[in-house]
Amino acid sequence: MTGKDEAELSRLLRAAIAGDERAYADFLHRIAALVRGFVRRKIVQGGVDPEDVVQETLLAIHVKRHTWRPEAPVLPWIYAIARFKLIDAFRRRGRRIEVEIDEIADTFAEPEAETVSERDINRALDGLPPAQRSVVSSISVDGQSIGETAAKLGISETAVRVSLHRGLAAIAKRFGRQ
């Protein structure tokens, strides 16, 4: 870009700041091409969309145009904003490497099945009052429903629910899992 081009951009931005919409549109059109070229030269890897950086830069220029000093060259100001927006884009992307899960799935260890022994079950049920022990055992160990347990024990379904809740809460408290 020549000194004459730089002077023209400065003139356009001064006119834009003064309220000339046509000068502002011309200014944005010209700098969009400059910023696009700058950003594309800087992005050597994928992961950052150059057009997103261009749009963010143009938006920042629009918002911060009042910070440009009219006596200073305009291009260093524009390129500084573009550089900061490019850095922001790289930071958002992070230093992550994205790998398809299918490519590494066979390297994961199989989850170990948690086994519960009969001794563990008896230990959990110990200390419960007999009525709660019968309800918890019927539902949690034998797999019976609330209705089946109520019929088997000759109590109401509400009483089964209350007893189950209290029994499980007591077991959780006893093993420190409240």
N, C-alpha and C. Protein backbone atom coordinates (compact mmCIF):
# COMPACT_ATOMS: atom_id res chain seq x y z
N MET A 1 0.86 -1.17 0.00
CA MET A 1 0.00 0.00 0.00
C MET A 1 0.90 1.23 0.00
N THR A 2 0.56 2.21 -0.78
CA THR A 2 1.38 3.41 -0.92
C THR A 2 1.00 4.47 0.12
N GLY A 3 1.87 5.47 0.22
CA GLY A 3 1.59 6.59 1.11
C GLY A 3 0.32 7.30 0.70
N LYS A 4 0.08 7.34 -0.64
CA LYS A 4 -1.14 7.98 -1.15
C LYS A 4 -2.39 7.23 -0.68
N ASP A 5 -2.31 5.88 -0.71
CA ASP A 5 -3.43 5.05 -0.25
C ASP A 5 -3.66 5.26 1.25
N GLU A 6 -2.57 5.33 2.01
CA GLU A 6 -2.68 5.56 3.45
C GLU A 6 -3.35 6.91 3.71
N ALA A 7 -2.94 7.92 2.95
CA ALA A 7 -3.51 9.26 3.13
C ALA A 7 -5.01 9.24 2.79
N GLU A 8 -5.39 8.48 1.76
CA GLU A 8 -6.80 8.38 1.37
C GLU A 8 -7.61 7.69 2.47
N LEU A 9 -7.08 6.62 3.05
CA LEU A 9 -7.78 5.95 4.14
C LEU A 9 -7.94 6.88 5.34
N SER A 10 -6.90 7.64 5.66
CA SER A 10 -6.99 8.61 6.75
C SER A 10 -8.06 9.64 6.47
N ARG A 11 -8.10 10.13 5.22
CA ARG A 11 -9.10 11.12 4.84
C ARG A 11 -10.50 10.54 4.98
N LEU A 12 -10.68 9.30 4.51
CA LEU A 12 -11.99 8.66 4.59
C LEU A 12 -12.43 8.47 6.05
N LEU A 13 -11.51 8.05 6.91
CA LEU A 13 -11.88 7.84 8.31
C LEU A 13 -12.20 9.16 8.99
N ARG A 14 -11.44 10.23 8.70
CA ARG A 14 -11.76 11.54 9.28
C ARG A 14 -13.16 11.97 8.84
N ALA A 15 -13.47 11.79 7.56
CA ALA A 15 -14.79 12.17 7.05
C ALA A 15 -15.87 11.31 7.71
N ALA A 16 -15.58 10.02 7.90
CA ALA A 16 -16.55 9.11 8.52
C ALA A 16 -16.83 9.55 9.96
N ILE A 17 -15.79 9.88 10.69
CA ILE A 17 -15.96 10.32 12.07
C ILE A 17 -16.78 11.61 12.12
N ALA A 18 -16.64 12.43 11.08
CA ALA A 18 -17.40 13.68 11.00
C ALA A 18 -18.84 13.44 10.58
N GLY A 19 -19.19 12.20 10.19
CA GLY A 19 -20.57 11.87 9.86
C GLY A 19 -20.85 11.54 8.42
N ASP A 20 -19.85 11.46 7.56
CA ASP A 20 -20.04 11.13 6.15
C ASP A 20 -20.20 9.62 5.99
N GLU A 21 -21.43 9.19 5.79
CA GLU A 21 -21.72 7.76 5.70
C GLU A 21 -21.12 7.11 4.46
N ARG A 22 -21.14 7.81 3.36
CA ARG A 22 -20.57 7.27 2.11
C ARG A 22 -19.06 7.06 2.29
N ALA A 23 -18.36 8.03 2.92
CA ALA A 23 -16.93 7.88 3.17
C ALA A 23 -16.68 6.69 4.10
N TYR A 24 -17.56 6.50 5.08
CA TYR A 24 -17.40 5.39 6.01
C TYR A 24 -17.57 4.05 5.31
N ALA A 25 -18.56 3.94 4.45
CA ALA A 25 -18.78 2.70 3.70
C ALA A 25 -17.56 2.40 2.82
N ASP A 26 -17.02 3.43 2.16
CA ASP A 26 -15.84 3.26 1.31
C ASP A 26 -14.64 2.83 2.16
N PHE A 27 -14.47 3.48 3.31
CA PHE A 27 -13.39 3.15 4.22
C PHE A 27 -13.47 1.68 4.65
N LEU A 28 -14.65 1.24 5.09
CA LEU A 28 -14.82 -0.15 5.54
C LEU A 28 -14.58 -1.14 4.40
N HIS A 29 -15.05 -0.81 3.23
CA HIS A 29 -14.85 -1.69 2.07
C HIS A 29 -13.36 -1.87 1.78
N ARG A 30 -12.62 -0.79 1.81
CA ARG A 30 -11.18 -0.85 1.51
C ARG A 30 -10.41 -1.58 2.61
N ILE A 31 -10.71 -1.28 3.86
CA ILE A 31 -9.93 -1.93 4.91
C ILE A 31 -10.31 -3.40 5.09
N ALA A 32 -11.52 -3.77 4.71
CA ALA A 32 -11.92 -5.19 4.80
C ALA A 32 -10.98 -6.03 3.94
N ALA A 33 -10.67 -5.55 2.75
CA ALA A 33 -9.76 -6.29 1.87
C ALA A 33 -8.37 -6.37 2.48
N LEU A 34 -7.90 -5.26 3.07
CA LEU A 34 -6.57 -5.26 3.70
C LEU A 34 -6.52 -6.22 4.88
N VAL A 35 -7.53 -6.15 5.74
CA VAL A 35 -7.57 -7.01 6.93
C VAL A 35 -7.70 -8.47 6.52
N ARG A 36 -8.50 -8.76 5.51
CA ARG A 36 -8.68 -10.13 5.04
C ARG A 36 -7.34 -10.72 4.59
N GLY A 37 -6.59 -9.96 3.82
CA GLY A 37 -5.28 -10.43 3.37
C GLY A 37 -4.32 -10.64 4.54
N PHE A 38 -4.31 -9.70 5.48
CA PHE A 38 -3.45 -9.79 6.66
C PHE A 38 -3.78 -11.05 7.46
N VAL A 39 -5.05 -11.28 7.72
CA VAL A 39 -5.48 -12.42 8.54
C VAL A 39 -5.18 -13.74 7.84
N ARG A 40 -5.43 -13.81 6.56
CA ARG A 40 -5.18 -15.07 5.83
C ARG A 40 -3.70 -15.41 5.81
N ARG A 41 -2.84 -14.41 5.76
CA ARG A 41 -1.39 -14.67 5.80
C ARG A 41 -0.96 -15.19 7.17
N LYS A 42 -1.64 -14.78 8.22
CA LYS A 42 -1.26 -15.15 9.58
C LYS A 42 -1.80 -16.51 10.00
N ILE A 43 -2.90 -16.95 9.41
CA ILE A 43 -3.50 -18.23 9.79
C ILE A 43 -2.91 -19.31 8.90
N VAL A 44 -2.03 -20.14 9.48
CA VAL A 44 -1.40 -21.20 8.70
C VAL A 44 -2.03 -22.55 8.98
N GLN A 45 -2.74 -22.66 10.08
CA GLN A 45 -3.43 -23.91 10.42
C GLN A 45 -4.92 -23.66 10.45
N GLY A 46 -5.67 -24.72 10.38
CA GLY A 46 -7.13 -24.60 10.49
C GLY A 46 -7.53 -24.31 11.92
N GLY A 47 -8.80 -24.26 12.13
CA GLY A 47 -9.31 -24.06 13.47
C GLY A 47 -9.78 -22.64 13.74
N VAL A 48 -9.29 -21.68 12.96
CA VAL A 48 -9.74 -20.30 13.09
C VAL A 48 -10.23 -19.87 11.72
N ASP A 49 -11.47 -19.39 11.67
CA ASP A 49 -12.05 -18.94 10.42
C ASP A 49 -11.60 -17.50 10.15
N PRO A 50 -10.84 -17.27 9.07
CA PRO A 50 -10.36 -15.92 8.79
C PRO A 50 -11.48 -14.90 8.67
N GLU A 51 -12.59 -15.31 8.11
CA GLU A 51 -13.69 -14.35 7.92
C GLU A 51 -14.28 -13.91 9.25
N ASP A 52 -14.29 -14.80 10.24
CA ASP A 52 -14.75 -14.41 11.57
C ASP A 52 -13.84 -13.33 12.16
N VAL A 53 -12.54 -13.50 11.98
CA VAL A 53 -11.58 -12.52 12.49
C VAL A 53 -11.76 -11.19 11.77
N VAL A 54 -11.99 -11.24 10.45
CA VAL A 54 -12.20 -10.01 9.69
C VAL A 54 -13.43 -9.29 10.22
N GLN A 55 -14.52 -10.00 10.42
CA GLN A 55 -15.75 -9.37 10.90
C GLN A 55 -15.58 -8.80 12.31
N GLU A 56 -14.89 -9.53 13.17
CA GLU A 56 -14.64 -9.02 14.52
C GLU A 56 -13.77 -7.77 14.48
N THR A 57 -12.81 -7.76 13.57
CA THR A 57 -11.93 -6.60 13.43
C THR A 57 -12.72 -5.39 12.94
N LEU A 58 -13.55 -5.59 11.93
CA LEU A 58 -14.36 -4.47 11.42
C LEU A 58 -15.30 -3.93 12.50
N LEU A 59 -15.86 -4.83 13.28
CA LEU A 59 -16.75 -4.40 14.36
C LEU A 59 -15.96 -3.60 15.41
N ALA A 60 -14.77 -4.08 15.75
CA ALA A 60 -13.95 -3.37 16.73
C ALA A 60 -13.54 -1.99 16.20
N ILE A 61 -13.22 -1.92 14.93
CA ILE A 61 -12.87 -0.62 14.33
C ILE A 61 -14.07 0.31 14.39
N HIS A 62 -15.23 -0.22 14.11
CA HIS A 62 -16.45 0.60 14.17
C HIS A 62 -16.67 1.13 15.59
N VAL A 63 -16.55 0.26 16.56
CA VAL A 63 -16.80 0.65 17.95
C VAL A 63 -15.71 1.59 18.48
N LYS A 64 -14.48 1.36 18.06
CA LYS A 64 -13.35 2.12 18.61
C LYS A 64 -12.82 3.22 17.67
N ARG A 65 -13.55 3.54 16.63
CA ARG A 65 -13.04 4.52 15.65
C ARG A 65 -12.73 5.87 16.29
N HIS A 66 -13.40 6.19 17.37
CA HIS A 66 -13.13 7.47 18.06
C HIS A 66 -11.76 7.47 18.74
N THR A 67 -11.12 6.30 18.90
CA THR A 67 -9.81 6.25 19.57
C THR A 67 -8.66 6.53 18.60
N TRP A 68 -8.93 6.52 17.30
CA TRP A 68 -7.88 6.80 16.33
C TRP A 68 -7.53 8.28 16.40
N ARG A 69 -6.26 8.56 16.45
CA ARG A 69 -5.79 9.95 16.45
C ARG A 69 -5.61 10.40 15.01
N PRO A 70 -6.34 11.40 14.55
CA PRO A 70 -6.30 11.83 13.15
C PRO A 70 -4.91 12.23 12.64
N GLU A 71 -4.03 12.62 13.52
CA GLU A 71 -2.68 13.00 13.08
C GLU A 71 -1.77 11.77 12.92
N ALA A 72 -2.21 10.61 13.40
CA ALA A 72 -1.41 9.38 13.32
C ALA A 72 -1.79 8.59 12.07
N PRO A 73 -0.86 7.78 11.55
CA PRO A 73 -1.19 6.93 10.40
C PRO A 73 -2.29 5.93 10.77
N VAL A 74 -3.17 5.67 9.84
CA VAL A 74 -4.32 4.81 10.11
C VAL A 74 -3.99 3.32 10.00
N LEU A 75 -3.09 2.94 9.11
CA LEU A 75 -2.82 1.51 8.90
C LEU A 75 -2.25 0.81 10.14
N PRO A 76 -1.29 1.38 10.84
CA PRO A 76 -0.82 0.68 12.05
C PRO A 76 -1.94 0.48 13.08
N TRP A 77 -2.83 1.44 13.16
CA TRP A 77 -3.97 1.33 14.08
C TRP A 77 -4.87 0.17 13.66
N ILE A 78 -5.15 0.09 12.36
CA ILE A 78 -6.00 -0.99 11.83
C ILE A 78 -5.35 -2.35 12.05
N TYR A 79 -4.06 -2.45 11.70
CA TYR A 79 -3.37 -3.74 11.83
C TYR A 79 -3.21 -4.15 13.30
N ALA A 80 -3.08 -3.19 14.20
CA ALA A 80 -3.00 -3.53 15.62
C ALA A 80 -4.32 -4.15 16.08
N ILE A 81 -5.43 -3.58 15.68
CA ILE A 81 -6.74 -4.14 16.05
C ILE A 81 -6.90 -5.53 15.45
N ALA A 82 -6.51 -5.69 14.18
CA ALA A 82 -6.61 -7.00 13.53
C ALA A 82 -5.74 -8.03 14.24
N ARG A 83 -4.54 -7.63 14.63
CA ARG A 83 -3.64 -8.55 15.33
C ARG A 83 -4.25 -8.99 16.66
N PHE A 84 -4.83 -8.05 17.42
CA PHE A 84 -5.45 -8.41 18.69
C PHE A 84 -6.64 -9.34 18.49
N LYS A 85 -7.44 -9.10 17.47
CA LYS A 85 -8.59 -9.98 17.20
C LYS A 85 -8.13 -11.37 16.77
N LEU A 86 -7.04 -11.42 16.05
CA LEU A 86 -6.47 -12.71 15.64
C LEU A 86 -5.97 -13.48 16.87
N ILE A 87 -5.30 -12.78 17.76
CA ILE A 87 -4.82 -13.41 19.01
C ILE A 87 -6.01 -13.92 19.82
N ASP A 88 -7.06 -13.11 19.91
CA ASP A 88 -8.27 -13.54 20.64
C ASP A 88 -8.84 -14.83 20.03
N ALA A 89 -8.86 -14.90 18.71
CA ALA A 89 -9.40 -16.09 18.04
C ALA A 89 -8.56 -17.32 18.35
N PHE A 90 -7.24 -17.16 18.33
CA PHE A 90 -6.37 -18.29 18.67
C PHE A 90 -6.54 -18.70 20.14
N ARG A 91 -6.72 -17.74 21.00
CA ARG A 91 -6.93 -18.06 22.43
C ARG A 91 -8.23 -18.82 22.63
N ARG A 92 -9.27 -18.39 21.93
CA ARG A 92 -10.56 -19.09 22.06
C ARG A 92 -10.43 -20.52 21.59
N ARG A 93 -9.67 -20.72 20.53
CA ARG A 93 -9.48 -22.06 20.02
C ARG A 93 -8.67 -22.90 20.99
N GLY A 94 -7.73 -22.27 21.69
CA GLY A 94 -6.90 -22.97 22.66
C GLY A 94 -5.87 -23.83 21.97
N ARG A 95 -5.19 -24.57 22.78
CA ARG A 95 -4.15 -25.46 22.25
C ARG A 95 -4.65 -26.89 22.22
N ARG A 96 -5.90 -27.05 21.95
CA ARG A 96 -6.49 -28.38 21.91
C ARG A 96 -6.22 -29.03 20.56
N ILE A 97 -6.08 -30.31 20.63
CA ILE A 97 -6.01 -31.10 19.41
C ILE A 97 -7.29 -31.91 19.39
N GLU A 98 -8.03 -31.80 18.32
CA GLU A 98 -9.29 -32.52 18.24
C GLU A 98 -9.08 -33.85 17.52
N VAL A 99 -9.53 -34.90 18.17
CA VAL A 99 -9.38 -36.25 17.64
C VAL A 99 -10.75 -36.91 17.67
N GLU A 100 -11.10 -37.60 16.60
CA GLU A 100 -12.36 -38.32 16.57
C GLU A 100 -12.32 -39.45 17.60
N ILE A 101 -13.37 -39.59 18.36
CA ILE A 101 -13.42 -40.59 19.42
C ILE A 101 -13.29 -42.00 18.85
N ASP A 102 -13.81 -42.22 17.64
CA ASP A 102 -13.72 -43.55 17.02
C ASP A 102 -12.28 -43.97 16.77
N GLU A 103 -11.39 -42.99 16.58
CA GLU A 103 -9.99 -43.30 16.30
C GLU A 103 -9.26 -43.84 17.52
N ILE A 104 -9.74 -43.51 18.72
CA ILE A 104 -9.03 -43.93 19.93
C ILE A 104 -9.87 -44.79 20.87
N ALA A 105 -11.07 -45.12 20.45
CA ALA A 105 -11.99 -45.85 21.33
C ALA A 105 -11.41 -47.17 21.82
N ASP A 106 -10.64 -47.85 20.98
CA ASP A 106 -10.11 -49.16 21.39
C ASP A 106 -8.99 -49.05 22.42
N THR A 107 -8.52 -47.85 22.71
CA THR A 107 -7.46 -47.68 23.70
C THR A 107 -8.01 -47.49 25.11
N PHE A 108 -9.31 -47.27 25.25
CA PHE A 108 -9.89 -47.07 26.56
C PHE A 108 -10.03 -48.40 27.28
N ALA A 109 -9.80 -48.38 28.57
CA ALA A 109 -9.97 -49.58 29.38
C ALA A 109 -11.46 -49.84 29.57
N GLU A 110 -11.81 -51.09 29.64
CA GLU A 110 -13.20 -51.45 29.90
C GLU A 110 -13.53 -51.07 31.33
N PRO A 111 -14.70 -50.50 31.57
CA PRO A 111 -15.05 -50.18 32.96
C PRO A 111 -15.20 -51.46 33.77
N GLU A 112 -14.71 -51.40 34.98
CA GLU A 112 -14.80 -52.56 35.84
C GLU A 112 -16.19 -52.61 36.46
N ALA A 113 -16.77 -53.79 36.42
CA ALA A 113 -18.09 -53.95 37.02
C ALA A 113 -17.94 -53.93 38.54
N GLU A 114 -18.81 -53.17 39.17
CA GLU A 114 -18.77 -53.12 40.62
C GLU A 114 -19.54 -54.33 41.13
N THR A 115 -18.88 -55.13 41.90
CA THR A 115 -19.54 -56.32 42.43
C THR A 115 -19.86 -56.10 43.90
N VAL A 116 -21.01 -56.56 44.27
CA VAL A 116 -21.45 -56.46 45.65
C VAL A 116 -21.67 -57.88 46.14
N SER A 117 -21.00 -58.22 47.21
CA SER A 117 -21.12 -59.58 47.74
C SER A 117 -22.32 -59.67 48.68
N GLU A 118 -22.69 -60.89 48.96
CA GLU A 118 -23.79 -61.11 49.90
C GLU A 118 -23.41 -60.58 51.28
N ARG A 119 -22.11 -60.65 51.59
CA ARG A 119 -21.64 -60.12 52.87
C ARG A 119 -21.83 -58.60 52.93
N ASP A 120 -21.57 -57.91 51.81
CA ASP A 120 -21.76 -56.46 51.75
C ASP A 120 -23.23 -56.10 51.95
N ILE A 121 -24.10 -56.90 51.34
CA ILE A 121 -25.54 -56.64 51.46
C ILE A 121 -26.00 -56.84 52.90
N ASN A 122 -25.56 -57.94 53.48
CA ASN A 122 -25.95 -58.21 54.88
C ASN A 122 -25.40 -57.12 55.81
N ARG A 123 -24.20 -56.66 55.53
CA ARG A 123 -23.60 -55.60 56.35
C ARG A 123 -24.43 -54.32 56.24
N ALA A 124 -24.92 -54.02 55.04
CA ALA A 124 -25.73 -52.81 54.84
C ALA A 124 -27.07 -52.94 55.55
N LEU A 125 -27.64 -54.15 55.54
CA LEU A 125 -28.95 -54.35 56.16
C LEU A 125 -28.88 -54.48 57.68
N ASP A 126 -27.70 -54.85 58.19
CA ASP A 126 -27.55 -54.97 59.66
C ASP A 126 -27.81 -53.63 60.30
N GLY A 127 -28.43 -53.66 61.42
CA GLY A 127 -28.69 -52.43 62.15
C GLY A 127 -30.01 -51.79 61.81
N LEU A 128 -30.67 -52.26 60.73
CA LEU A 128 -32.00 -51.72 60.41
C LEU A 128 -33.02 -52.45 61.26
N PRO A 129 -34.05 -51.76 61.69
CA PRO A 129 -35.14 -52.45 62.38
C PRO A 129 -35.72 -53.53 61.46
N PRO A 130 -36.25 -54.60 62.01
CA PRO A 130 -36.72 -55.72 61.20
C PRO A 130 -37.71 -55.32 60.10
N ALA A 131 -38.63 -54.40 60.36
CA ALA A 131 -39.62 -54.01 59.34
C ALA A 131 -38.92 -53.31 58.17
N GLN A 132 -38.00 -52.40 58.46
CA GLN A 132 -37.28 -51.70 57.40
C GLN A 132 -36.39 -52.68 56.64
N ARG A 133 -35.74 -53.60 57.36
CA ARG A 133 -34.87 -54.59 56.72
C ARG A 133 -35.68 -55.43 55.73
N SER A 134 -36.87 -55.84 56.12
CA SER A 134 -37.72 -56.65 55.23
C SER A 134 -38.11 -55.88 53.98
N VAL A 135 -38.47 -54.60 54.14
CA VAL A 135 -38.87 -53.78 52.99
C VAL A 135 -37.69 -53.53 52.07
N VAL A 136 -36.57 -53.10 52.62
CA VAL A 136 -35.39 -52.79 51.79
C VAL A 136 -34.92 -54.05 51.08
N SER A 137 -34.88 -55.16 51.77
CA SER A 137 -34.44 -56.42 51.18
C SER A 137 -35.39 -56.85 50.06
N SER A 138 -36.68 -56.74 50.29
CA SER A 138 -37.67 -57.15 49.30
C SER A 138 -37.54 -56.33 48.01
N ILE A 139 -37.38 -55.03 48.15
CA ILE A 139 -37.35 -54.16 46.97
C ILE A 139 -35.96 -54.09 46.35
N SER A 140 -34.94 -53.81 47.18
CA SER A 140 -33.60 -53.57 46.65
C SER A 140 -32.83 -54.84 46.32
N VAL A 141 -33.06 -55.91 47.07
CA VAL A 141 -32.32 -57.14 46.83
C VAL A 141 -33.12 -58.11 45.95
N ASP A 142 -34.39 -58.33 46.32
CA ASP A 142 -35.20 -59.30 45.59
C ASP A 142 -35.83 -58.71 44.33
N GLY A 143 -35.87 -57.38 44.23
CA GLY A 143 -36.41 -56.73 43.03
C GLY A 143 -37.91 -56.70 42.95
N GLN A 144 -38.58 -56.82 44.06
CA GLN A 144 -40.03 -56.79 44.06
C GLN A 144 -40.51 -55.35 44.01
N SER A 145 -41.75 -55.17 43.57
CA SER A 145 -42.32 -53.83 43.46
C SER A 145 -42.86 -53.40 44.82
N ILE A 146 -43.24 -52.13 44.89
CA ILE A 146 -43.85 -51.60 46.12
C ILE A 146 -45.13 -52.38 46.44
N GLY A 147 -45.95 -52.60 45.41
CA GLY A 147 -47.22 -53.32 45.60
C GLY A 147 -47.00 -54.75 46.05
N GLU A 148 -46.06 -55.45 45.43
CA GLU A 148 -45.77 -56.84 45.80
C GLU A 148 -45.26 -56.91 47.24
N THR A 149 -44.39 -55.97 47.59
CA THR A 149 -43.84 -55.96 48.95
C THR A 149 -44.95 -55.68 49.96
N ALA A 150 -45.83 -54.74 49.64
CA ALA A 150 -46.94 -54.41 50.55
C ALA A 150 -47.82 -55.64 50.76
N ALA A 151 -48.14 -56.35 49.68
CA ALA A 151 -48.99 -57.54 49.79
C ALA A 151 -48.30 -58.64 50.58
N LYS A 152 -47.01 -58.84 50.31
CA LYS A 152 -46.25 -59.89 50.99
C LYS A 152 -46.13 -59.62 52.48
N LEU A 153 -45.93 -58.35 52.85
CA LEU A 153 -45.74 -58.02 54.26
C LEU A 153 -47.04 -57.63 54.97
N GLY A 154 -48.13 -57.49 54.20
CA GLY A 154 -49.43 -57.16 54.79
C GLY A 154 -49.49 -55.73 55.32
N ILE A 155 -48.84 -54.80 54.62
CA ILE A 155 -48.89 -53.39 55.02
C ILE A 155 -49.27 -52.55 53.80
N SER A 156 -49.57 -51.28 54.03
CA SER A 156 -49.99 -50.43 52.91
C SER A 156 -48.77 -50.03 52.06
N GLU A 157 -49.05 -49.63 50.80
CA GLU A 157 -47.97 -49.19 49.91
C GLU A 157 -47.30 -47.94 50.45
N THR A 158 -48.07 -47.07 51.10
CA THR A 158 -47.50 -45.86 51.71
C THR A 158 -46.50 -46.24 52.80
N ALA A 159 -46.87 -47.23 53.60
CA ALA A 159 -45.98 -47.68 54.67
C ALA A 159 -44.71 -48.29 54.09
N VAL A 160 -44.84 -48.99 52.96
CA VAL A 160 -43.67 -49.57 52.29
C VAL A 160 -42.74 -48.46 51.81
N ARG A 161 -43.33 -47.42 51.18
CA ARG A 161 -42.51 -46.30 50.67
C ARG A 161 -41.77 -45.59 51.81
N VAL A 162 -42.49 -45.34 52.89
CA VAL A 162 -41.88 -44.65 54.03
C VAL A 162 -40.76 -45.51 54.62
N SER A 163 -41.03 -46.79 54.80
CA SER A 163 -40.04 -47.70 55.38
C SER A 163 -38.82 -47.83 54.46
N LEU A 164 -39.05 -47.90 53.16
CA LEU A 164 -37.94 -47.99 52.20
C LEU A 164 -37.08 -46.72 52.27
N HIS A 165 -37.74 -45.59 52.26
CA HIS A 165 -37.02 -44.32 52.30
C HIS A 165 -36.17 -44.22 53.57
N ARG A 166 -36.79 -44.52 54.70
CA ARG A 166 -36.07 -44.43 55.98
C ARG A 166 -34.93 -45.45 56.05
N GLY A 167 -35.17 -46.64 55.56
CA GLY A 167 -34.13 -47.67 55.57
C GLY A 167 -32.94 -47.29 54.71
N LEU A 168 -33.21 -46.82 53.48
CA LEU A 168 -32.11 -46.42 52.60
C LEU A 168 -31.36 -45.21 53.16
N ALA A 169 -32.09 -44.29 53.77
CA ALA A 169 -31.45 -43.12 54.39
C ALA A 169 -30.54 -43.56 55.53
N ALA A 170 -30.98 -44.53 56.33
CA ALA A 170 -30.16 -45.03 57.44
C ALA A 170 -28.90 -45.71 56.92
N ILE A 171 -29.03 -46.49 55.85
CA ILE A 171 -27.87 -47.16 55.26
C ILE A 171 -26.89 -46.11 54.72
N ALA A 172 -27.41 -45.12 54.03
CA ALA A 172 -26.55 -44.07 53.46
C ALA A 172 -25.83 -43.32 54.58
N LYS A 173 -26.53 -43.03 55.65
CA LYS A 173 -25.92 -42.30 56.76
C LYS A 173 -24.83 -43.15 57.41
N ARG A 174 -25.11 -44.40 57.54
CA ARG A 174 -24.16 -45.30 58.17
C ARG A 174 -22.88 -45.45 57.37
N PHE A 175 -23.00 -45.39 56.05
CA PHE A 175 -21.82 -45.55 55.18
C PHE A 175 -21.29 -44.20 54.68
N GLY A 176 -21.79 -43.10 55.27
CA GLY A 176 -21.27 -41.79 54.96
C GLY A 176 -21.64 -41.24 53.61
N ARG A 177 -22.78 -41.58 53.09
CA ARG A 177 -23.21 -41.09 51.77
C ARG A 177 -24.54 -40.37 51.86
N GLN A 178 -24.61 -39.35 52.63
CA GLN A 178 -25.87 -38.64 52.79
C GLN A 178 -26.13 -37.73 51.63
